[in-house]
């Protein structure tokens, strides 16, 4: 899986910690998501996309 979380996060000037806090996960989860090593649940993918003000299909390529 490929993600564009890092790109969208930097556009919004969010740190990994701030994004993690906003979606209710640990920073390590965001790190694994950015590296494509963790498959998010639909809810987590939606929460991340909502926080980054984009759509799930723009963030993740499954």
PDB file of N, CA and C in Angstrom:
ATOM      1  N   UNK A   1       0.831  -1.171   0.000  1.00  0.00           N
ATOM      2  CA  UNK A   1       0.000   0.000   0.000  1.00  0.00           C
ATOM      3  C   UNK A   1       0.889   1.253   0.000  1.00  0.00           C
ATOM      4  N   UNK A   2       0.509   2.230  -0.792  1.00  0.00           N
ATOM      5  CA  UNK A   2       1.220   3.505  -0.832  1.00  0.00           C
ATOM      6  C   UNK A   2       0.328   4.579  -0.222  1.00  0.00           C
ATOM      7  N   UNK A   3       0.958   5.528   0.432  1.00  0.00           N
ATOM      8  CA  UNK A   3       0.183   6.626   1.016  1.00  0.00           C
ATOM      9  C   UNK A   3       0.817   7.968   0.683  1.00  0.00           C
ATOM     10  N   UNK A   4       0.013   8.991   0.759  1.00  0.00           N
ATOM     11  CA  UNK A   4       0.482  10.357   0.583  1.00  0.00           C
ATOM     12  C   UNK A   4       0.264  11.151   1.867  1.00  0.00           C
ATOM     13  N   UNK A   5       0.204  10.436   2.976  1.00  0.00           N
ATOM     14  CA  UNK A   5      -0.049  11.093   4.262  1.00  0.00           C
ATOM     15  C   UNK A   5       1.017  12.131   4.561  1.00  0.00           C
ATOM     16  N   UNK A   6       2.263  11.779   4.356  1.00  0.00           N
ATOM     17  CA  UNK A   6       3.356  12.706   4.661  1.00  0.00           C
ATOM     18  C   UNK A   6       3.219  14.003   3.864  1.00  0.00           C
ATOM     19  N   UNK A   7       2.880  13.879   2.588  1.00  0.00           N
ATOM     20  CA  UNK A   7       2.710  15.075   1.740  1.00  0.00           C
ATOM     21  C   UNK A   7       1.587  15.961   2.247  1.00  0.00           C
ATOM     22  N   UNK A   8       0.429  15.352   2.487  1.00  0.00           N
ATOM     23  CA  UNK A   8      -0.717  16.133   2.955  1.00  0.00           C
ATOM     24  C   UNK A   8      -0.483  16.676   4.362  1.00  0.00           C
ATOM     25  N   UNK A   9       0.221  15.915   5.187  1.00  0.00           N
ATOM     26  CA  UNK A   9       0.534  16.370   6.550  1.00  0.00           C
ATOM     27  C   UNK A   9       1.429  17.598   6.513  1.00  0.00           C
ATOM     28  N   UNK A  10       2.411  17.605   5.631  1.00  0.00           N
ATOM     29  CA  UNK A  10       3.309  18.758   5.543  1.00  0.00           C
ATOM     30  C   UNK A  10       2.597  19.974   4.950  1.00  0.00           C
ATOM     31  N   UNK A  11       1.647  19.758   4.034  1.00  0.00           N
ATOM     32  CA  UNK A  11       0.858  20.872   3.494  1.00  0.00           C
ATOM     33  C   UNK A  11       0.077  21.555   4.614  1.00  0.00           C
ATOM     34  N   UNK A  12      -0.440  20.748   5.536  1.00  0.00           N
ATOM     35  CA  UNK A  12      -1.236  21.259   6.668  1.00  0.00           C
ATOM     36  C   UNK A  12      -0.376  21.655   7.863  1.00  0.00           C
ATOM     37  N   UNK A  13       0.940  21.542   7.727  1.00  0.00           N
ATOM     38  CA  UNK A  13       1.874  21.877   8.816  1.00  0.00           C
ATOM     39  C   UNK A  13       1.572  21.113  10.100  1.00  0.00           C
ATOM     40  N   UNK A  14       1.316  19.822   9.948  1.00  0.00           N
ATOM     41  CA  UNK A  14       1.057  18.963  11.103  1.00  0.00           C
ATOM     42  C   UNK A  14       2.245  18.038  11.332  1.00  0.00           C
ATOM     43  N   UNK A  15       2.608  17.861  12.583  1.00  0.00           N
ATOM     44  CA  UNK A  15       3.626  16.868  12.916  1.00  0.00           C
ATOM     45  C   UNK A  15       2.951  15.507  12.996  1.00  0.00           C
ATOM     46  N   UNK A  16       3.739  14.470  13.025  1.00  0.00           N
ATOM     47  CA  UNK A  16       3.179  13.131  13.197  1.00  0.00           C
ATOM     48  C   UNK A  16       2.433  13.050  14.521  1.00  0.00           C
ATOM     49  N   UNK A  17       2.979  13.666  15.542  1.00  0.00           N
ATOM     50  CA  UNK A  17       2.346  13.648  16.859  1.00  0.00           C
ATOM     51  C   UNK A  17       0.999  14.346  16.854  1.00  0.00           C
ATOM     52  N   UNK A  18       0.911  15.497  16.209  1.00  0.00           N
ATOM     53  CA  UNK A  18      -0.349  16.247  16.154  1.00  0.00           C
ATOM     54  C   UNK A  18      -1.406  15.483  15.363  1.00  0.00           C
ATOM     55  N   UNK A  19      -1.002  14.874  14.258  1.00  0.00           N
ATOM     56  CA  UNK A  19      -1.939  14.087  13.471  1.00  0.00           C
ATOM     57  C   UNK A  19      -2.432  12.892  14.287  1.00  0.00           C
ATOM     58  N   UNK A  20      -1.514  12.223  14.950  1.00  0.00           N
ATOM     59  CA  UNK A  20      -1.875  11.076  15.780  1.00  0.00           C
ATOM     60  C   UNK A  20      -2.860  11.487  16.872  1.00  0.00           C
ATOM     61  N   UNK A  21      -2.592  12.590  17.517  1.00  0.00           N
ATOM     62  CA  UNK A  21      -3.474  13.100  18.570  1.00  0.00           C
ATOM     63  C   UNK A  21      -4.862  13.417  18.004  1.00  0.00           C
ATOM     64  N   UNK A  22      -4.901  14.002  16.833  1.00  0.00           N
ATOM     65  CA  UNK A  22      -6.169  14.384  16.209  1.00  0.00           C
ATOM     66  C   UNK A  22      -7.046  13.183  15.860  1.00  0.00           C
ATOM     67  N   UNK A  23      -6.425  12.084  15.462  1.00  0.00           N
ATOM     68  CA  UNK A  23      -7.208  10.910  15.071  1.00  0.00           C
ATOM     69  C   UNK A  23      -7.292   9.855  16.177  1.00  0.00           C
ATOM     70  N   UNK A  24      -6.624  10.089  17.282  1.00  0.00           N
ATOM     71  CA  UNK A  24      -6.730   9.194  18.434  1.00  0.00           C
ATOM     72  C   UNK A  24      -5.910   7.928  18.364  1.00  0.00           C
ATOM     73  N   UNK A  25      -4.713   8.038  17.766  1.00  0.00           N
ATOM     74  CA  UNK A  25      -3.807   6.883  17.712  1.00  0.00           C
ATOM     75  C   UNK A  25      -2.436   7.315  18.216  1.00  0.00           C
ATOM     76  N   UNK A  26      -1.538   6.353  18.329  1.00  0.00           N
ATOM     77  CA  UNK A  26      -0.167   6.670  18.740  1.00  0.00           C
ATOM     78  C   UNK A  26       0.634   7.160  17.541  1.00  0.00           C
ATOM     79  N   UNK A  27       1.680   7.910  17.813  1.00  0.00           N
ATOM     80  CA  UNK A  27       2.544   8.431  16.755  1.00  0.00           C
ATOM     81  C   UNK A  27       3.134   7.310  15.909  1.00  0.00           C
ATOM     82  N   UNK A  28       3.434   6.193  16.528  1.00  0.00           N
ATOM     83  CA  UNK A  28       4.002   5.055  15.814  1.00  0.00           C
ATOM     84  C   UNK A  28       3.053   4.553  14.728  1.00  0.00           C
ATOM     85  N   UNK A  29       1.754   4.631  14.984  1.00  0.00           N
ATOM     86  CA  UNK A  29       0.764   4.223  13.991  1.00  0.00           C
ATOM     87  C   UNK A  29       0.869   5.093  12.750  1.00  0.00           C
ATOM     88  N   UNK A  30       1.041   6.399  12.946  1.00  0.00           N
ATOM     89  CA  UNK A  30       1.188   7.327  11.824  1.00  0.00           C
ATOM     90  C   UNK A  30       2.475   7.008  11.057  1.00  0.00           C
ATOM     91  N   UNK A  31       3.533   6.702  11.776  1.00  0.00           N
ATOM     92  CA  UNK A  31       4.802   6.343  11.132  1.00  0.00           C
ATOM     93  C   UNK A  31       4.610   5.115  10.240  1.00  0.00           C
ATOM     94  N   UNK A  32       3.965   4.070  10.779  1.00  0.00           N
ATOM     95  CA  UNK A  32       3.726   2.847  10.002  1.00  0.00           C
ATOM     96  C   UNK A  32       2.804   3.108   8.812  1.00  0.00           C
ATOM     97  N   UNK A  33       1.809   3.960   9.010  1.00  0.00           N
ATOM     98  CA  UNK A  33       0.921   4.308   7.893  1.00  0.00           C
ATOM     99  C   UNK A  33       1.701   4.999   6.789  1.00  0.00           C
ATOM    100  N   UNK A  34       2.537   5.961   7.159  1.00  0.00           N
ATOM    101  CA  UNK A  34       3.320   6.712   6.163  1.00  0.00           C
ATOM    102  C   UNK A  34       4.265   5.808   5.390  1.00  0.00           C
ATOM    103  N   UNK A  35       4.788   4.785   6.048  1.00  0.00           N
ATOM    104  CA  UNK A  35       5.707   3.860   5.392  1.00  0.00           C
ATOM    105  C   UNK A  35       4.988   2.761   4.623  1.00  0.00           C
ATOM    106  N   UNK A  36       3.653   2.717   4.738  1.00  0.00           N
ATOM    107  CA  UNK A  36       2.880   1.692   4.050  1.00  0.00           C
ATOM    108  C   UNK A  36       2.983   0.329   4.690  1.00  0.00           C
ATOM    109  N   UNK A  37       3.378   0.284   5.967  1.00  0.00           N
ATOM    110  CA  UNK A  37       3.546  -0.990   6.660  1.00  0.00           C
ATOM    111  C   UNK A  37       2.344  -1.358   7.517  1.00  0.00           C
ATOM    112  N   UNK A  38       1.319  -0.536   7.486  1.00  0.00           N
ATOM    113  CA  UNK A  38       0.135  -0.784   8.310  1.00  0.00           C
ATOM    114  C   UNK A  38      -1.102  -0.505   7.479  1.00  0.00           C
ATOM    115  N   UNK A  39      -2.002  -1.467   7.428  1.00  0.00           N
ATOM    116  CA  UNK A  39      -3.253  -1.312   6.698  1.00  0.00           C
ATOM    117  C   UNK A  39      -4.286  -0.744   7.664  1.00  0.00           C
ATOM    118  N   UNK A  40      -4.730   0.485   7.438  1.00  0.00           N
ATOM    119  CA  UNK A  40      -5.660   1.104   8.382  1.00  0.00           C
ATOM    120  C   UNK A  40      -7.072   0.536   8.255  1.00  0.00           C
ATOM    121  N   UNK A  41      -7.794   0.628   9.346  1.00  0.00           N
ATOM    122  CA  UNK A  41      -9.218   0.298   9.272  1.00  0.00           C
ATOM    123  C   UNK A  41      -9.896   1.392   8.454  1.00  0.00           C
ATOM    124  N   UNK A  42     -11.093   1.127   8.020  1.00  0.00           N
ATOM    125  CA  UNK A  42     -11.832   2.123   7.254  1.00  0.00           C
ATOM    126  C   UNK A  42     -12.055   3.382   8.085  1.00  0.00           C
ATOM    127  N   UNK A  43     -12.351   3.202   9.365  1.00  0.00           N
ATOM    128  CA  UNK A  43     -12.565   4.351  10.249  1.00  0.00           C
ATOM    129  C   UNK A  43     -11.299   5.183  10.387  1.00  0.00           C
ATOM    130  N   UNK A  44     -10.165   4.539  10.594  1.00  0.00           N
ATOM    131  CA  UNK A  44      -8.909   5.273  10.733  1.00  0.00           C
ATOM    132  C   UNK A  44      -8.563   5.996   9.435  1.00  0.00           C
ATOM    133  N   UNK A  45      -8.724   5.334   8.306  1.00  0.00           N
ATOM    134  CA  UNK A  45      -8.448   5.971   7.014  1.00  0.00           C
ATOM    135  C   UNK A  45      -9.339   7.201   6.834  1.00  0.00           C
ATOM    136  N   UNK A  46     -10.603   7.073   7.197  1.00  0.00           N
ATOM    137  CA  UNK A  46     -11.537   8.199   7.087  1.00  0.00           C
ATOM    138  C   UNK A  46     -11.147   9.329   8.036  1.00  0.00           C
ATOM    139  N   UNK A  47     -10.777   8.999   9.268  1.00  0.00           N
ATOM    140  CA  UNK A  47     -10.385  10.025  10.243  1.00  0.00           C
ATOM    141  C   UNK A  47      -9.131  10.780   9.802  1.00  0.00           C
ATOM    142  N   UNK A  48      -8.162  10.059   9.264  1.00  0.00           N
ATOM    143  CA  UNK A  48      -6.937  10.700   8.781  1.00  0.00           C
ATOM    144  C   UNK A  48      -7.262  11.620   7.607  1.00  0.00           C
ATOM    145  N   UNK A  49      -8.054  11.129   6.668  1.00  0.00           N
ATOM    146  CA  UNK A  49      -8.424  11.934   5.504  1.00  0.00           C
ATOM    147  C   UNK A  49      -9.196  13.189   5.933  1.00  0.00           C
ATOM    148  N   UNK A  50     -10.110  13.029   6.864  1.00  0.00           N
ATOM    149  CA  UNK A  50     -10.897  14.164   7.347  1.00  0.00           C
ATOM    150  C   UNK A  50      -9.991  15.202   8.022  1.00  0.00           C
ATOM    151  N   UNK A  51      -9.065  14.740   8.848  1.00  0.00           N
ATOM    152  CA  UNK A  51      -8.140  15.645   9.521  1.00  0.00           C
ATOM    153  C   UNK A  51      -7.254  16.382   8.516  1.00  0.00           C
ATOM    154  N   UNK A  52      -6.857  15.697   7.454  1.00  0.00           N
ATOM    155  CA  UNK A  52      -6.004  16.300   6.432  1.00  0.00           C
ATOM    156  C   UNK A  52      -6.811  17.014   5.342  1.00  0.00           C
ATOM    157  N   UNK A  53      -8.123  17.041   5.510  1.00  0.00           N
ATOM    158  CA  UNK A  53      -9.044  17.741   4.603  1.00  0.00           C
ATOM    159  C   UNK A  53      -8.904  17.270   3.155  1.00  0.00           C
ATOM    160  N   UNK A  54      -8.966  15.956   3.024  1.00  0.00           N
ATOM    161  CA  UNK A  54      -8.931  15.342   1.700  1.00  0.00           C
ATOM    162  C   UNK A  54      -9.786  14.089   1.714  1.00  0.00           C
ATOM    163  N   UNK A  55      -9.775  13.332   0.639  1.00  0.00           N
ATOM    164  CA  UNK A  55     -10.550  12.101   0.537  1.00  0.00           C
ATOM    165  C   UNK A  55      -9.634  10.900   0.727  1.00  0.00           C
ATOM    166  N   UNK A  56     -10.221   9.821   1.205  1.00  0.00           N
ATOM    167  CA  UNK A  56      -9.463   8.596   1.457  1.00  0.00           C
ATOM    168  C   UNK A  56      -8.729   8.142   0.197  1.00  0.00           C
ATOM    169  N   UNK A  57      -9.398   8.170  -0.949  1.00  0.00           N
ATOM    170  CA  UNK A  57      -8.762   7.678  -2.175  1.00  0.00           C
ATOM    171  C   UNK A  57      -7.622   8.561  -2.652  1.00  0.00           C
ATOM    172  N   UNK A  58      -7.515   9.781  -2.156  1.00  0.00           N
ATOM    173  CA  UNK A  58      -6.370  10.643  -2.479  1.00  0.00           C
ATOM    174  C   UNK A  58      -5.158  10.298  -1.621  1.00  0.00           C
ATOM    175  N   UNK A  59      -5.417   9.764  -0.414  1.00  0.00           N
ATOM    176  CA  UNK A  59      -4.334   9.444   0.526  1.00  0.00           C
ATOM    177  C   UNK A  59      -3.740   8.055   0.337  1.00  0.00           C
ATOM    178  N   UNK A  60      -4.610   7.098   0.031  1.00  0.00           N
ATOM    179  CA  UNK A  60      -4.182   5.700  -0.002  1.00  0.00           C
ATOM    180  C   UNK A  60      -4.347   5.076  -1.379  1.00  0.00           C
ATOM    181  N   UNK A  61      -3.342   4.327  -1.791  1.00  0.00           N
ATOM    182  CA  UNK A  61      -3.418   3.520  -3.004  1.00  0.00           C
ATOM    183  C   UNK A  61      -3.282   2.079  -2.542  1.00  0.00           C
ATOM    184  N   UNK A  62      -4.383   1.343  -2.621  1.00  0.00           N
ATOM    185  CA  UNK A  62      -4.387  -0.039  -2.125  1.00  0.00           C
ATOM    186  C   UNK A  62      -3.988  -1.009  -3.214  1.00  0.00           C
TER     187      UNK A  62
END
